[in-house]
PDB file of all heavy atoms in Angstrom:
ATOM      1  N   THR A   1       2.063   5.267   7.948  1.00  0.00           N
ATOM      2  CA  THR A   1       2.350   4.647   6.666  1.00  0.00           C
ATOM      3  C   THR A   1       1.437   3.448   6.480  1.00  0.00           C
ATOM      4  O   THR A   1       0.910   2.877   7.440  1.00  0.00           O
ATOM      5  CB  THR A   1       3.808   4.154   6.562  1.00  0.00           C
ATOM      6  OG1 THR A   1       4.058   3.165   7.556  1.00  0.00           O
ATOM      7  CG2 THR A   1       4.795   5.298   6.682  1.00  0.00           C
ATOM      8  N   LEU A   2       1.257   3.083   5.230  1.00  0.00           N
ATOM      9  CA  LEU A   2       0.579   1.849   4.874  1.00  0.00           C
ATOM     10  C   LEU A   2       1.661   0.935   4.324  1.00  0.00           C
ATOM     11  O   LEU A   2       2.385   1.306   3.393  1.00  0.00           O
ATOM     12  CB  LEU A   2      -0.482   2.115   3.807  1.00  0.00           C
ATOM     13  CG  LEU A   2      -1.260   0.902   3.321  1.00  0.00           C
ATOM     14  CD1 LEU A   2      -2.124   0.328   4.459  1.00  0.00           C
ATOM     15  CD2 LEU A   2      -2.132   1.266   2.139  1.00  0.00           C
ATOM     16  N   ARG A   3       1.789  -0.237   4.917  1.00  0.00           N
ATOM     17  CA  ARG A   3       2.800  -1.204   4.480  1.00  0.00           C
ATOM     18  C   ARG A   3       2.111  -2.431   3.912  1.00  0.00           C
ATOM     19  O   ARG A   3       1.030  -2.801   4.347  1.00  0.00           O
ATOM     20  CB  ARG A   3       3.659  -1.660   5.656  1.00  0.00           C
ATOM     21  CG  ARG A   3       4.502  -0.589   6.263  1.00  0.00           C
ATOM     22  CD  ARG A   3       5.312  -1.170   7.406  1.00  0.00           C
ATOM     23  NE  ARG A   3       5.943  -0.106   8.164  1.00  0.00           N
ATOM     24  CZ  ARG A   3       6.576  -0.280   9.286  1.00  0.00           C
ATOM     25  NH1 ARG A   3       6.698  -1.493   9.809  1.00  0.00           N
ATOM     26  NH2 ARG A   3       7.132   0.741   9.909  1.00  0.00           N
ATOM     27  N   TRP A   4       2.800  -3.077   2.976  1.00  0.00           N
ATOM     28  CA  TRP A   4       2.322  -4.349   2.473  1.00  0.00           C
ATOM     29  C   TRP A   4       3.489  -5.234   2.091  1.00  0.00           C
ATOM     30  O   TRP A   4       4.562  -4.770   1.742  1.00  0.00           O
ATOM     31  CB  TRP A   4       1.338  -4.186   1.318  1.00  0.00           C
ATOM     32  CG  TRP A   4       1.857  -3.581   0.065  1.00  0.00           C
ATOM     33  CD1 TRP A   4       2.328  -4.223  -1.031  1.00  0.00           C
ATOM     34  CD2 TRP A   4       1.938  -2.182  -0.247  1.00  0.00           C
ATOM     35  NE1 TRP A   4       2.692  -3.319  -2.007  1.00  0.00           N
ATOM     36  CE2 TRP A   4       2.459  -2.060  -1.545  1.00  0.00           C
ATOM     37  CE3 TRP A   4       1.618  -1.008   0.445  1.00  0.00           C
ATOM     38  CZ2 TRP A   4       2.671  -0.842  -2.158  1.00  0.00           C
ATOM     39  CZ3 TRP A   4       1.838   0.206  -0.180  1.00  0.00           C
ATOM     40  CH2 TRP A   4       2.348   0.283  -1.453  1.00  0.00           C
ATOM     41  N   ALA A   5       3.237  -6.539   2.225  1.00  0.00           N
ATOM     42  CA  ALA A   5       4.268  -7.540   1.928  1.00  0.00           C
ATOM     43  C   ALA A   5       3.583  -8.851   1.579  1.00  0.00           C
ATOM     44  O   ALA A   5       2.396  -9.051   1.844  1.00  0.00           O
ATOM     45  CB  ALA A   5       5.197  -7.733   3.127  1.00  0.00           C
ATOM     46  N   GLN A   6       4.359  -9.752   1.037  1.00  0.00           N
ATOM     47  CA  GLN A   6       3.812 -11.050   0.648  1.00  0.00           C
ATOM     48  C   GLN A   6       3.442 -11.894   1.869  1.00  0.00           C
ATOM     49  O   GLN A   6       2.453 -12.607   1.847  1.00  0.00           O
ATOM     50  CB  GLN A   6       4.822 -11.793  -0.226  1.00  0.00           C
ATOM     51  CG  GLN A   6       4.269 -13.022  -0.871  1.00  0.00           C
ATOM     52  CD  GLN A   6       5.217 -13.598  -1.904  1.00  0.00           C
ATOM     53  OE1 GLN A   6       6.319 -13.101  -2.118  1.00  0.00           O
ATOM     54  NE2 GLN A   6       4.788 -14.660  -2.548  1.00  0.00           N
ATOM     55  N   LYS A   7       4.225 -11.790   2.922  1.00  0.00           N
ATOM     56  CA  LYS A   7       3.982 -12.554   4.148  1.00  0.00           C
ATOM     57  C   LYS A   7       3.761 -11.583   5.307  1.00  0.00           C
ATOM     58  O   LYS A   7       4.422 -10.546   5.387  1.00  0.00           O
ATOM     59  CB  LYS A   7       5.157 -13.459   4.462  1.00  0.00           C
ATOM     60  CG  LYS A   7       5.432 -14.477   3.381  1.00  0.00           C
ATOM     61  CD  LYS A   7       6.685 -15.254   3.692  1.00  0.00           C
ATOM     62  CE  LYS A   7       7.009 -16.182   2.533  1.00  0.00           C
ATOM     63  NZ  LYS A   7       8.333 -16.765   2.669  1.00  0.00           N
ATOM     64  N   GLU A   8       2.885 -11.941   6.201  1.00  0.00           N
ATOM     65  CA  GLU A   8       2.572 -11.077   7.337  1.00  0.00           C
ATOM     66  C   GLU A   8       3.816 -10.746   8.163  1.00  0.00           C
ATOM     67  O   GLU A   8       4.011  -9.608   8.577  1.00  0.00           O
ATOM     68  CB  GLU A   8       1.503 -11.737   8.214  1.00  0.00           C
ATOM     69  CG  GLU A   8       1.004 -10.865   9.329  1.00  0.00           C
ATOM     70  CD  GLU A   8      -0.155 -11.490  10.075  1.00  0.00           C
ATOM     71  OE1 GLU A   8      -0.378 -12.714   9.939  1.00  0.00           O
ATOM     72  OE2 GLU A   8      -0.808 -10.766  10.812  1.00  0.00           O
ATOM     73  N   LYS A   9       4.687 -11.728   8.365  1.00  0.00           N
ATOM     74  CA  LYS A   9       5.883 -11.496   9.175  1.00  0.00           C
ATOM     75  C   LYS A   9       6.828 -10.475   8.529  1.00  0.00           C
ATOM     76  O   LYS A   9       7.612  -9.837   9.204  1.00  0.00           O
ATOM     77  CB  LYS A   9       6.614 -12.804   9.446  1.00  0.00           C
ATOM     78  CG  LYS A   9       7.231 -13.424   8.199  1.00  0.00           C
ATOM     79  CD  LYS A   9       7.982 -14.692   8.500  1.00  0.00           C
ATOM     80  CE  LYS A   9       8.634 -15.194   7.227  1.00  0.00           C
ATOM     81  NZ  LYS A   9       9.612 -16.194   7.443  1.00  0.00           N
ATOM     82  N   ASP A  10       6.718 -10.296   7.202  1.00  0.00           N
ATOM     83  CA  ASP A  10       7.589  -9.357   6.502  1.00  0.00           C
ATOM     84  C   ASP A  10       7.179  -7.895   6.664  1.00  0.00           C
ATOM     85  O   ASP A  10       7.897  -6.996   6.245  1.00  0.00           O
ATOM     86  CB  ASP A  10       7.643  -9.692   5.006  1.00  0.00           C
ATOM     87  CG  ASP A  10       8.392 -10.997   4.738  1.00  0.00           C
ATOM     88  OD1 ASP A  10       9.216 -11.386   5.602  1.00  0.00           O
ATOM     89  OD2 ASP A  10       8.146 -11.603   3.689  1.00  0.00           O
ATOM     90  N   LEU A  11       6.027  -7.636   7.294  1.00  0.00           N
ATOM     91  CA  LEU A  11       5.575  -6.270   7.496  1.00  0.00           C
ATOM     92  C   LEU A  11       6.488  -5.491   8.450  1.00  0.00           C
ATOM     93  O   LEU A  11       6.392  -4.269   8.543  1.00  0.00           O
ATOM     94  CB  LEU A  11       4.144  -6.252   8.032  1.00  0.00           C
ATOM     95  CG  LEU A  11       3.084  -6.673   7.033  1.00  0.00           C
ATOM     96  CD1 LEU A  11       1.725  -6.818   7.717  1.00  0.00           C
ATOM     97  CD2 LEU A  11       3.000  -5.689   5.880  1.00  0.00           C
ATOM     98  N   ASN A  12       7.374  -6.186   9.128  1.00  0.00           N
ATOM     99  CA  ASN A  12       8.332  -5.536  10.024  1.00  0.00           C
ATOM    100  C   ASN A  12       9.757  -5.527   9.458  1.00  0.00           C
ATOM    101  O   ASN A  12      10.681  -5.125  10.144  1.00  0.00           O
ATOM    102  CB  ASN A  12       8.326  -6.223  11.393  1.00  0.00           C
ATOM    103  CG  ASN A  12       6.993  -6.047  12.083  1.00  0.00           C
ATOM    104  OD1 ASN A  12       6.431  -4.966  12.088  1.00  0.00           O
ATOM    105  ND2 ASN A  12       6.482  -7.123  12.647  1.00  0.00           N
ATOM    106  N   ASN A  13       9.909  -5.973   8.229  1.00  0.00           N
ATOM    107  CA  ASN A  13      11.232  -6.050   7.607  1.00  0.00           C
ATOM    108  C   ASN A  13      11.343  -5.023   6.478  1.00  0.00           C
ATOM    109  O   ASN A  13      10.844  -5.239   5.379  1.00  0.00           O
ATOM    110  CB  ASN A  13      11.461  -7.459   7.066  1.00  0.00           C
ATOM    111  CG  ASN A  13      12.841  -7.632   6.471  1.00  0.00           C
ATOM    112  OD1 ASN A  13      13.583  -6.677   6.276  1.00  0.00           O
ATOM    113  ND2 ASN A  13      13.190  -8.865   6.155  1.00  0.00           N
ATOM    114  N   PRO A  14      12.010  -3.878   6.727  1.00  0.00           N
ATOM    115  CA  PRO A  14      12.105  -2.834   5.718  1.00  0.00           C
ATOM    116  C   PRO A  14      12.767  -3.254   4.407  1.00  0.00           C
ATOM    117  O   PRO A  14      12.592  -2.609   3.387  1.00  0.00           O
ATOM    118  CB  PRO A  14      12.902  -1.723   6.383  1.00  0.00           C
ATOM    119  CG  PRO A  14      13.176  -2.148   7.756  1.00  0.00           C
ATOM    120  CD  PRO A  14      12.699  -3.547   7.956  1.00  0.00           C
ATOM    121  N   LYS A  15      13.505  -4.340   4.425  1.00  0.00           N
ATOM    122  CA  LYS A  15      14.136  -4.819   3.204  1.00  0.00           C
ATOM    123  C   LYS A  15      13.129  -5.510   2.284  1.00  0.00           C
ATOM    124  O   LYS A  15      13.397  -5.685   1.106  1.00  0.00           O
ATOM    125  CB  LYS A  15      15.264  -5.789   3.537  1.00  0.00           C
ATOM    126  CG  LYS A  15      16.437  -5.134   4.229  1.00  0.00           C
ATOM    127  CD  LYS A  15      17.520  -6.126   4.507  1.00  0.00           C
ATOM    128  CE  LYS A  15      18.687  -5.462   5.229  1.00  0.00           C
ATOM    129  NZ  LYS A  15      19.752  -6.392   5.545  1.00  0.00           N
ATOM    130  N   VAL A  16      11.984  -5.898   2.845  1.00  0.00           N
ATOM    131  CA  VAL A  16      11.032  -6.693   2.092  1.00  0.00           C
ATOM    132  C   VAL A  16       9.706  -5.964   1.843  1.00  0.00           C
ATOM    133  O   VAL A  16       9.140  -6.077   0.767  1.00  0.00           O
ATOM    134  CB  VAL A  16      10.753  -8.038   2.810  1.00  0.00           C
ATOM    135  CG1 VAL A  16       9.757  -8.879   2.063  1.00  0.00           C
ATOM    136  CG2 VAL A  16      12.042  -8.800   3.033  1.00  0.00           C
ATOM    137  N   TYR A  17       9.197  -5.236   2.812  1.00  0.00           N
ATOM    138  CA  TYR A  17       7.875  -4.638   2.630  1.00  0.00           C
ATOM    139  C   TYR A  17       7.923  -3.418   1.721  1.00  0.00           C
ATOM    140  O   TYR A  17       8.940  -2.790   1.525  1.00  0.00           O
ATOM    141  CB  TYR A  17       7.211  -4.308   3.968  1.00  0.00           C
ATOM    142  CG  TYR A  17       7.836  -3.201   4.792  1.00  0.00           C
ATOM    143  CD1 TYR A  17       7.774  -1.862   4.402  1.00  0.00           C
ATOM    144  CD2 TYR A  17       8.464  -3.476   6.006  1.00  0.00           C
ATOM    145  CE1 TYR A  17       8.312  -0.858   5.175  1.00  0.00           C
ATOM    146  CE2 TYR A  17       8.996  -2.477   6.788  1.00  0.00           C
ATOM    147  CZ  TYR A  17       8.920  -1.167   6.371  1.00  0.00           C
ATOM    148  OH  TYR A  17       9.456  -0.171   7.143  1.00  0.00           O
ATOM    149  N   ARG A  18       6.768  -3.122   1.138  1.00  0.00           N
ATOM    150  CA  ARG A  18       6.550  -1.899   0.372  1.00  0.00           C
ATOM    151  C   ARG A  18       5.832  -0.936   1.300  1.00  0.00           C
ATOM    152  O   ARG A  18       5.111  -1.356   2.198  1.00  0.00           O
ATOM    153  CB  ARG A  18       5.693  -2.160  -0.858  1.00  0.00           C
ATOM    154  CG  ARG A  18       6.242  -3.202  -1.815  1.00  0.00           C
ATOM    155  CD  ARG A  18       7.450  -2.756  -2.617  1.00  0.00           C
ATOM    156  NE  ARG A  18       7.296  -1.474  -3.221  1.00  0.00           N
ATOM    157  CZ  ARG A  18       7.005  -1.242  -4.503  1.00  0.00           C
ATOM    158  NH1 ARG A  18       6.817  -2.238  -5.312  1.00  0.00           N
ATOM    159  NH2 ARG A  18       6.883  -0.016  -4.957  1.00  0.00           N
ATOM    160  N   VAL A  19       5.993   0.340   1.060  1.00  0.00           N
ATOM    161  CA  VAL A  19       5.418   1.327   1.971  1.00  0.00           C
ATOM    162  C   VAL A  19       4.889   2.529   1.189  1.00  0.00           C
ATOM    163  O   VAL A  19       5.439   2.887   0.148  1.00  0.00           O
ATOM    164  CB  VAL A  19       6.451   1.768   3.028  1.00  0.00           C
ATOM    165  CG1 VAL A  19       7.614   2.472   2.398  1.00  0.00           C
ATOM    166  CG2 VAL A  19       5.813   2.605   4.105  1.00  0.00           C
ATOM    167  N   CYS A  20       3.821   3.107   1.720  1.00  0.00           N
ATOM    168  CA  CYS A  20       3.270   4.336   1.178  1.00  0.00           C
ATOM    169  C   CYS A  20       2.910   5.234   2.361  1.00  0.00           C
ATOM    170  O   CYS A  20       2.039   4.867   3.157  1.00  0.00           O
ATOM    171  CB  CYS A  20       2.021   4.041   0.344  1.00  0.00           C
ATOM    172  SG  CYS A  20       1.260   5.530  -0.322  1.00  0.00           S
ATOM    173  N   PRO A  21       3.570   6.386   2.485  1.00  0.00           N
ATOM    174  CA  PRO A  21       3.171   7.321   3.540  1.00  0.00           C
ATOM    175  C   PRO A  21       1.757   7.815   3.302  1.00  0.00           C
ATOM    176  O   PRO A  21       1.372   8.096   2.165  1.00  0.00           O
ATOM    177  CB  PRO A  21       4.179   8.469   3.394  1.00  0.00           C
ATOM    178  CG  PRO A  21       5.332   7.896   2.627  1.00  0.00           C
ATOM    179  CD  PRO A  21       4.734   6.847   1.731  1.00  0.00           C
ATOM    180  N   LEU A  22       0.949   7.899   4.352  1.00  0.00           N
ATOM    181  CA  LEU A  22      -0.424   8.353   4.199  1.00  0.00           C
ATOM    182  C   LEU A  22      -0.480   9.742   3.591  1.00  0.00           C
ATOM    183  O   LEU A  22      -1.403  10.059   2.831  1.00  0.00           O
ATOM    184  CB  LEU A  22      -1.157   8.325   5.534  1.00  0.00           C
ATOM    185  CG  LEU A  22      -1.431   6.951   6.137  1.00  0.00           C
ATOM    186  CD1 LEU A  22      -2.229   7.091   7.419  1.00  0.00           C
ATOM    187  CD2 LEU A  22      -2.151   6.055   5.153  1.00  0.00           C
ATOM    188  N   GLY A  23       0.496  10.573   3.878  1.00  0.00           N
ATOM    189  CA  GLY A  23       0.532  11.923   3.320  1.00  0.00           C
ATOM    190  C   GLY A  23       0.693  11.957   1.809  1.00  0.00           C
ATOM    191  O   GLY A  23       0.412  12.976   1.174  1.00  0.00           O
ATOM    192  N   ASP A  24       1.130  10.846   1.208  1.00  0.00           N
ATOM    193  CA  ASP A  24       1.283  10.763  -0.247  1.00  0.00           C
ATOM    194  C   ASP A  24      -0.010  10.376  -0.949  1.00  0.00           C
ATOM    195  O   ASP A  24      -0.104  10.441  -2.170  1.00  0.00           O
ATOM    196  CB  ASP A  24       2.365   9.756  -0.629  1.00  0.00           C
ATOM    197  CG  ASP A  24       3.764  10.233  -0.298  1.00  0.00           C
ATOM    198  OD1 ASP A  24       3.919  11.394   0.155  1.00  0.00           O
ATOM    199  OD2 ASP A  24       4.702   9.434  -0.468  1.00  0.00           O
ATOM    200  N   ILE A  25      -1.013   9.944  -0.187  1.00  0.00           N
ATOM    201  CA  ILE A  25      -2.281   9.510  -0.762  1.00  0.00           C
ATOM    202  C   ILE A  25      -3.182  10.730  -0.910  1.00  0.00           C
ATOM    203  O   ILE A  25      -3.506  11.403   0.068  1.00  0.00           O
ATOM    204  CB  ILE A  25      -2.951   8.433   0.112  1.00  0.00           C
ATOM    205  CG1 ILE A  25      -2.032   7.223   0.262  1.00  0.00           C
ATOM    206  CG2 ILE A  25      -4.289   8.020  -0.500  1.00  0.00           C
ATOM    207  CD1 ILE A  25      -2.523   6.185   1.251  1.00  0.00           C
ATOM    208  N   LYS A  26      -3.580  11.028  -2.134  1.00  0.00           N
ATOM    209  CA  LYS A  26      -4.428  12.184  -2.402  1.00  0.00           C
ATOM    210  C   LYS A  26      -5.886  11.892  -2.075  1.00  0.00           C
ATOM    211  O   LYS A  26      -6.655  12.801  -1.786  1.00  0.00           O
ATOM    212  CB  LYS A  26      -4.311  12.585  -3.872  1.00  0.00           C
ATOM    213  CG  LYS A  26      -2.928  13.105  -4.231  1.00  0.00           C
ATOM    214  CD  LYS A  26      -2.760  13.314  -5.710  1.00  0.00           C
ATOM    215  CE  LYS A  26      -3.679  14.416  -6.183  1.00  0.00           C
ATOM    216  NZ  LYS A  26      -3.472  14.742  -7.613  1.00  0.00           N
ATOM    217  N   GLY A  27      -6.264  10.625  -2.157  1.00  0.00           N
ATOM    218  CA  GLY A  27      -7.647  10.266  -1.865  1.00  0.00           C
ATOM    219  C   GLY A  27      -7.896   8.788  -2.049  1.00  0.00           C
ATOM    220  O   GLY A  27      -7.029   8.045  -2.501  1.00  0.00           O
ATOM    221  N   ILE A  28      -9.106   8.382  -1.683  1.00  0.00           N
ATOM    222  CA  ILE A  28      -9.547   7.007  -1.834  1.00  0.00           C
ATOM    223  C   ILE A  28     -10.804   7.024  -2.686  1.00  0.00           C
ATOM    224  O   ILE A  28     -11.727   7.806  -2.436  1.00  0.00           O
ATOM    225  CB  ILE A  28      -9.850   6.369  -0.469  1.00  0.00           C
ATOM    226  CG1 ILE A  28      -8.586   6.359   0.394  1.00  0.00           C
ATOM    227  CG2 ILE A  28     -10.397   4.948  -0.639  1.00  0.00           C
ATOM    228  CD1 ILE A  28      -8.827   5.902   1.806  1.00  0.00           C
ATOM    229  N   VAL A  29     -10.824   6.171  -3.715  1.00  0.00           N
ATOM    230  CA  VAL A  29     -11.977   6.083  -4.586  1.00  0.00           C
ATOM    231  C   VAL A  29     -12.559   4.667  -4.457  1.00  0.00           C
ATOM    232  O   VAL A  29     -11.836   3.677  -4.596  1.00  0.00           O
ATOM    233  CB  VAL A  29     -11.589   6.386  -6.053  1.00  0.00           C
ATOM    234  CG1 VAL A  29     -12.805   6.290  -6.953  1.00  0.00           C
ATOM    235  CG2 VAL A  29     -10.952   7.760  -6.149  1.00  0.00           C
ATOM    236  N   TYR A  30     -13.833   4.629  -4.181  1.00  0.00           N
ATOM    237  CA  TYR A  30     -14.546   3.364  -3.985  1.00  0.00           C
ATOM    238  C   TYR A  30     -14.989   2.814  -5.339  1.00  0.00           C
ATOM    239  O   TYR A  30     -15.452   3.549  -6.197  1.00  0.00           O
ATOM    240  CB  TYR A  30     -15.739   3.636  -3.078  1.00  0.00           C
ATOM    241  CG  TYR A  30     -16.609   2.459  -2.778  1.00  0.00           C
ATOM    242  CD1 TYR A  30     -16.109   1.379  -2.070  1.00  0.00           C
ATOM    243  CD2 TYR A  30     -17.932   2.438  -3.168  1.00  0.00           C
ATOM    244  CE1 TYR A  30     -16.912   0.286  -1.768  1.00  0.00           C
ATOM    245  CE2 TYR A  30     -18.743   1.364  -2.867  1.00  0.00           C
ATOM    246  CZ  TYR A  30     -18.239   0.291  -2.181  1.00  0.00           C
ATOM    247  OH  TYR A  30     -19.037  -0.783  -1.882  1.00  0.00           O
ATOM    248  N   GLY A  31     -14.826   1.511  -5.530  1.00  0.00           N
ATOM    249  CA  GLY A  31     -15.238   0.853  -6.771  1.00  0.00           C
ATOM    250  C   GLY A  31     -14.071   0.677  -7.712  1.00  0.00           C
ATOM    251  O   GLY A  31     -12.928   0.978  -7.402  1.00  0.00           O
ATOM    252  N   LYS A  32     -14.373   0.179  -8.915  1.00  0.00           N
ATOM    253  CA  LYS A  32     -13.360   0.021  -9.967  1.00  0.00           C
ATOM    254  C   LYS A  32     -13.208   1.386 -10.630  1.00  0.00           C
ATOM    255  O   LYS A  32     -13.894   1.706 -11.584  1.00  0.00           O
ATOM    256  CB  LYS A  32     -13.790  -1.042 -10.980  1.00  0.00           C
ATOM    257  CG  LYS A  32     -13.900  -2.433 -10.402  1.00  0.00           C
ATOM    258  CD  LYS A  32     -14.367  -3.408 -11.462  1.00  0.00           C
ATOM    259  CE  LYS A  32     -14.634  -4.767 -10.886  1.00  0.00           C
ATOM    260  NZ  LYS A  32     -15.117  -5.721 -11.904  1.00  0.00           N
ATOM    261  N   SER A  33     -12.285   2.161 -10.127  1.00  0.00           N
ATOM    262  CA  SER A  33     -12.260   3.598 -10.399  1.00  0.00           C
ATOM    263  C   SER A  33     -11.526   4.049 -11.637  1.00  0.00           C
ATOM    264  O   SER A  33     -11.660   5.181 -12.039  1.00  0.00           O
ATOM    265  CB  SER A  33     -11.655   4.303  -9.188  1.00  0.00           C
ATOM    266  OG  SER A  33     -10.335   3.835  -9.000  1.00  0.00           O
ATOM    267  N   ASN A  34     -10.741   3.213 -12.241  1.00  0.00           N
ATOM    268  CA  ASN A  34      -9.968   3.650 -13.411  1.00  0.00           C
ATOM    269  C   ASN A  34      -9.974   2.572 -14.478  1.00  0.00           C
ATOM    270  O   ASN A  34     -10.347   1.428 -14.218  1.00  0.00           O
ATOM    271  CB  ASN A  34      -8.539   4.041 -12.995  1.00  0.00           C
ATOM    272  CG  ASN A  34      -7.788   2.902 -12.358  1.00  0.00           C
ATOM    273  OD1 ASN A  34      -7.574   1.877 -12.990  1.00  0.00           O
ATOM    274  ND2 ASN A  34      -7.381   3.063 -11.103  1.00  0.00           N
ATOM    275  N   ALA A  35      -9.557   2.948 -15.676  1.00  0.00           N
ATOM    276  CA  ALA A  35      -9.622   2.025 -16.818  1.00  0.00           C
ATOM    277  C   ALA A  35      -8.785   0.774 -16.600  1.00  0.00           C
ATOM    278  O   ALA A  35      -9.215  -0.333 -16.934  1.00  0.00           O
ATOM    279  CB  ALA A  35      -9.185   2.752 -18.092  1.00  0.00           C
ATOM    280  N   LYS A  36      -7.595   0.936 -16.036  1.00  0.00           N
ATOM    281  CA  LYS A  36      -6.742  -0.247 -15.792  1.00  0.00           C
ATOM    282  C   LYS A  36      -7.406  -1.201 -14.803  1.00  0.00           C
ATOM    283  O   LYS A  36      -7.372  -2.409 -14.975  1.00  0.00           O
ATOM    284  CB  LYS A  36      -5.363   0.175 -15.281  1.00  0.00           C
ATOM    285  CG  LYS A  36      -4.429   0.605 -16.360  1.00  0.00           C
ATOM    286  CD  LYS A  36      -3.024   0.658 -15.840  1.00  0.00           C
ATOM    287  CE  LYS A  36      -2.111   0.889 -17.009  1.00  0.00           C
ATOM    288  NZ  LYS A  36      -0.760   0.497 -16.768  1.00  0.00           N
ATOM    289  N   PHE A  37      -7.965  -0.637 -13.756  1.00  0.00           N
ATOM    290  CA  PHE A  37      -8.628  -1.470 -12.745  1.00  0.00           C
ATOM    291  C   PHE A  37      -9.804  -2.216 -13.394  1.00  0.00           C
ATOM    292  O   PHE A  37      -9.970  -3.420 -13.211  1.00  0.00           O
ATOM    293  CB  PHE A  37      -9.111  -0.592 -11.600  1.00  0.00           C
ATOM    294  CG  PHE A  37      -9.320  -1.311 -10.290  1.00  0.00           C
ATOM    295  CD1 PHE A  37      -9.539  -0.586  -9.139  1.00  0.00           C
ATOM    296  CD2 PHE A  37      -9.306  -2.685 -10.180  1.00  0.00           C
ATOM    297  CE1 PHE A  37      -9.734  -1.204  -7.915  1.00  0.00           C
ATOM    298  CE2 PHE A  37      -9.497  -3.333  -8.965  1.00  0.00           C
ATOM    299  CZ  PHE A  37      -9.710  -2.585  -7.838  1.00  0.00           C
TER     300      PHE A  37
END
């Protein structure tokens, strides 16, 4: 999984961090890849 949180110590706290399983990622695009970005 890829986890992210506001504070480094929160990367181990499931109540606080956000998570994305790698299997849910279809791909990686380099650069400013979309209109919103």
